[in-house]
C-alpha atoms as a PDB file:
ATOM      1  CA  MET A   1      -1.221   4.128  -3.626  1.00  0.00           C
ATOM      2  CA  LEU A   2       1.660   3.908  -1.121  1.00  0.00           C
ATOM      3  CA  LEU A   3       2.774   0.557   0.084  1.00  0.00           C
ATOM      4  CA  SER A   4       3.879   0.526   3.627  1.00  0.00           C
ATOM      5  CA  GLY A   5       6.491  -2.179   3.270  1.00  0.00           C
ATOM      6  CA  ASP A   6       7.767  -2.837   6.976  1.00  0.00           C
ATOM      7  CA  ALA A   7       7.292   0.753   7.897  1.00  0.00           C
ATOM      8  CA  VAL A   8       3.805  -0.052   9.281  1.00  0.00           C
ATOM      9  CA  HIS A   9       2.831  -3.656   9.953  1.00  0.00           C
ATOM     10  CA  PHE A  10      -0.815  -3.396  11.031  1.00  0.00           C
ATOM     11  CA  LYS A  11      -3.543  -0.948  10.753  1.00  0.00           C
ATOM     12  CA  ASP A  12      -3.662  -0.671  14.564  1.00  0.00           C
ATOM     13  CA  ASN A  13       0.035   0.379  14.612  1.00  0.00           C
ATOM     14  CA  TRP A  14      -0.884   3.030  11.978  1.00  0.00           C
ATOM     15  CA  ASP A  15      -3.892   4.364  13.764  1.00  0.00           C
ATOM     16  CA  ASN A  16      -2.200   4.634  17.088  1.00  0.00           C
ATOM     17  CA  LYS A  17       1.386   5.400  16.022  1.00  0.00           C
ATOM     18  CA  ARG A  18       2.527   2.265  17.804  1.00  0.00           C
ATOM     19  CA  VAL A  19       5.983   1.222  17.132  1.00  0.00           C
ATOM     20  CA  PRO A  20       6.497  -2.572  16.814  1.00  0.00           C
ATOM     21  CA  SER A  21       8.759  -4.099  19.494  1.00  0.00           C
ATOM     22  CA  MET A  22      11.212  -5.332  16.728  1.00  0.00           C
ATOM     23  CA  ASN A  23      11.931  -1.879  15.451  1.00  0.00           C
ATOM     24  CA  VAL A  24      15.196  -0.708  16.920  1.00  0.00           C
ATOM     25  CA  ASP A  25      14.852   3.164  16.491  1.00  0.00           C
ATOM     26  CA  LYS A  26      11.326   4.373  17.849  1.00  0.00           C
ATOM     27  CA  ASP A  27      11.975   7.971  16.876  1.00  0.00           C
ATOM     28  CA  LYS A  28      12.796   7.070  13.245  1.00  0.00           C
ATOM     29  CA  THR A  29       9.917   4.773  13.000  1.00  0.00           C
ATOM     30  CA  VAL A  30       7.454   7.506  14.141  1.00  0.00           C
ATOM     31  CA  ALA A  31       9.242   9.953  11.777  1.00  0.00           C
ATOM     32  CA  SER A  32       8.697   7.525   8.846  1.00  0.00           C
ATOM     33  CA  MET A  33       4.897   7.043   9.780  1.00  0.00           C
ATOM     34  CA  ASN A  34       4.464  10.934   9.930  1.00  0.00           C
ATOM     35  CA  ARG A  35       6.205  11.234   6.532  1.00  0.00           C
ATOM     36  CA  LEU A  36       3.964   8.431   5.023  1.00  0.00           C
ATOM     37  CA  GLU A  37       0.930  10.330   6.463  1.00  0.00           C
ATOM     38  CA  GLN A  38       2.030  13.562   4.757  1.00  0.00           C
ATOM     39  CA  LEU A  39       2.540  11.801   1.373  1.00  0.00           C
ATOM     40  CA  VAL A  40      -0.963  10.179   1.563  1.00  0.00           C
ATOM     41  CA  THR A  41      -2.510  13.343   2.537  1.00  0.00           C
ATOM     42  CA  GLN A  42      -0.779  15.573   0.016  1.00  0.00           C
ATOM     43  CA  ASN A  43      -1.454  13.068  -2.755  1.00  0.00           C
ATOM     44  CA  LYS A  44      -5.032  12.088  -1.827  1.00  0.00           C
ATOM     45  CA  GLY A  45      -3.636   8.468  -1.833  1.00  0.00           C
ATOM     46  CA  GLN A  46      -4.122   5.264   0.011  1.00  0.00           C
ATOM     47  CA  LEU A  47      -1.874   3.527   2.337  1.00  0.00           C
ATOM     48  CA  TRP A  48      -1.757  -0.159   1.687  1.00  0.00           C
ATOM     49  CA  ILE A  49      -0.428  -1.941   4.837  1.00  0.00           C
ATOM     50  CA  ASN A  50       1.366  -4.977   3.633  1.00  0.00           C
ATOM     51  CA  HIS A  51       0.828  -7.213   6.631  1.00  0.00           C
ATOM     52  CA  ASP A  52      -2.666  -6.251   7.582  1.00  0.00           C
ATOM     53  CA  LYS A  53      -4.778  -9.190   6.811  1.00  0.00           C
ATOM     54  CA  PRO A  54      -8.267  -7.382   7.129  1.00  0.00           C
ATOM     55  CA  GLN A  55      -7.140  -4.690   4.610  1.00  0.00           C
ATOM     56  CA  SER A  56      -5.549  -7.267   2.348  1.00  0.00           C
ATOM     57  CA  ASP A  57      -8.696  -9.367   2.378  1.00  0.00           C
ATOM     58  CA  GLY A  58     -10.670  -6.371   1.008  1.00  0.00           C
ATOM     59  CA  MET A  59      -8.303  -5.792  -1.868  1.00  0.00           C
ATOM     60  CA  LYS A  60      -8.942  -6.721  -5.574  1.00  0.00           C
ATOM     61  CA  ARG A  61      -7.101  -9.949  -6.664  1.00  0.00           C
ATOM     62  CA  PRO A  62      -6.388 -10.833 -10.355  1.00  0.00           C
ATOM     63  CA  PRO A  63      -7.966 -10.807 -12.629  1.00  0.00           C
ATOM     64  CA  GLU A  64      -9.486  -7.635 -11.119  1.00  0.00           C
ATOM     65  CA  PHE A  65      -7.297  -4.550 -11.048  1.00  0.00           C
ATOM     66  CA  TYR A  66      -7.162  -1.065  -9.970  1.00  0.00           C
ATOM     67  CA  GLU A  67      -6.986   1.937 -12.424  1.00  0.00           C
END
C-alpha cells in the first residue's frame, strides 16, 4: 500500500497525469507521479489517494482491517 499524500489529490489526476493548479512545479509533480507508478507496479501494490472520496468510501474502516 502506498499513500499518495498530496502528490496525487484525486483519481482523475492520477489517471490523466493532471497536475493540480496549486502545485508550483509541474515537472516535479509529473516526475513524482511517475515514480509512484513505478513503485506500485514493481511491488504489486495499491495507491491510496488520500483526498479521493469515492476511493475512500470503498475502504475498510475500524474495526475492519487489512492484512
